Amino acid sequence: MAEILDRFPLRFVGRARGKPPKYLDEWFDGRARRLNYYVDLNRYASLASARTSLYQQARRRNMRALIAVEGDYLYFQVVNENVTP
């Protein structure tokens, strides 16, 4: 019989090669975070691409993203508001 899972395994989510996403789901819990490019976001090509990706992911989750970049840090928080496209 088929097994029921709580969620789809992260190792299969993302690109066709089965890479996990570059962001963590816990980043979208509403708490403000300071993410270091070289520690937390090093899978992105640049800090600008990380900013764009996190903004788009928040929109997909119907959340509003507050994002600021300073030096090697990206400040990120989602506000649990329904955003209409």
Protein backbone atom coordinates (compact mmCIF):
# COMPACT_ATOMS: atom_id res chain seq x y z
CA MET A 1 0.00 0.00 0.00
CA ALA A 2 1.21 3.54 -0.74
CA GLU A 3 2.73 5.46 2.15
CA ILE A 4 1.30 8.90 2.99
CA LEU A 5 3.96 11.58 3.58
CA ASP A 6 3.64 14.83 5.50
CA ARG A 7 5.45 16.67 2.73
CA PHE A 8 7.30 16.05 -0.49
CA PRO A 9 11.02 15.21 0.09
CA LEU A 10 13.18 18.31 -0.36
CA ARG A 11 15.84 16.43 -2.31
CA PHE A 12 13.39 16.20 -5.24
CA VAL A 13 12.12 19.78 -5.12
CA GLY A 14 13.57 22.39 -7.43
CA ARG A 15 15.25 21.92 -10.74
CA ALA A 16 15.04 18.90 -12.99
CA ARG A 17 18.20 17.45 -11.47
CA GLY A 18 16.45 17.20 -8.10
CA LYS A 19 18.39 19.90 -6.27
CA PRO A 20 16.83 21.21 -3.08
CA PRO A 21 15.75 24.88 -3.04
CA LYS A 22 18.35 27.49 -2.18
CA TYR A 23 16.19 28.97 0.56
CA LEU A 24 14.85 27.36 3.74
CA ASP A 25 11.14 27.16 4.50
CA GLU A 26 11.80 28.44 8.02
CA TRP A 27 12.85 31.80 6.54
CA PHE A 28 9.16 32.38 5.70
CA ASP A 29 7.86 32.11 9.28
CA GLY A 30 7.49 35.88 9.75
CA ARG A 31 10.59 36.49 11.90
CA ALA A 32 13.14 39.07 10.76
CA ARG A 33 16.43 37.53 9.66
CA ARG A 34 19.88 38.78 8.76
CA LEU A 35 21.35 36.39 6.20
CA ASN A 36 25.05 36.40 5.36
CA TYR A 37 25.76 35.91 1.66
CA TYR A 38 28.81 33.69 2.27
CA VAL A 39 27.13 31.53 4.93
CA ASP A 40 23.39 31.40 4.23
CA LEU A 41 23.03 32.45 0.59
CA ASN A 42 26.20 31.07 -1.02
CA ARG A 43 24.21 28.84 -3.39
CA TYR A 44 23.04 31.97 -5.23
CA ALA A 45 25.17 33.53 -7.97
CA SER A 46 24.98 36.95 -6.32
CA LEU A 47 23.31 38.80 -3.50
CA ALA A 48 21.05 40.48 -6.05
CA SER A 49 19.81 37.13 -7.37
CA ALA A 50 19.15 35.95 -3.79
CA ARG A 51 17.11 39.09 -3.17
CA THR A 52 15.03 38.55 -6.30
CA SER A 53 14.52 34.85 -5.61
CA LEU A 54 13.35 35.40 -2.02
CA TYR A 55 10.99 38.17 -3.12
CA GLN A 56 9.47 35.91 -5.79
CA GLN A 57 9.15 32.99 -3.39
CA ALA A 58 7.30 35.21 -0.91
CA ARG A 59 4.91 36.29 -3.67
CA ARG A 60 4.26 32.64 -4.57
CA ARG A 61 3.30 32.05 -0.95
CA ASN A 62 0.97 35.09 -1.00
CA MET A 63 3.20 36.99 1.41
CA ARG A 64 4.77 40.41 1.28
CA ALA A 65 8.56 40.50 1.65
CA LEU A 66 10.56 43.19 3.41
CA ILE A 67 14.09 42.99 2.02
CA ALA A 68 17.16 45.19 2.43
CA VAL A 69 20.77 44.63 1.39
CA GLU A 70 23.74 46.10 3.25
CA GLY A 71 27.27 44.95 2.54
CA ASP A 72 27.35 41.13 2.58
CA TYR A 73 24.05 40.88 4.47
CA LEU A 74 20.49 40.53 3.30
CA TYR A 75 17.77 41.46 5.80
CA PHE A 76 14.60 39.50 5.16
CA GLN A 77 11.15 39.22 6.71
CA VAL A 78 7.80 38.16 5.34
CA VAL A 79 4.56 39.72 6.42
CA ASN A 80 1.65 37.30 6.35
CA GLU A 81 -0.58 39.43 4.18
CA ASN A 82 -2.52 38.14 1.24
CA VAL A 83 -1.03 39.75 -1.84
CA THR A 84 -3.19 39.83 -4.92
CA PRO A 85 -1.26 39.52 -8.19
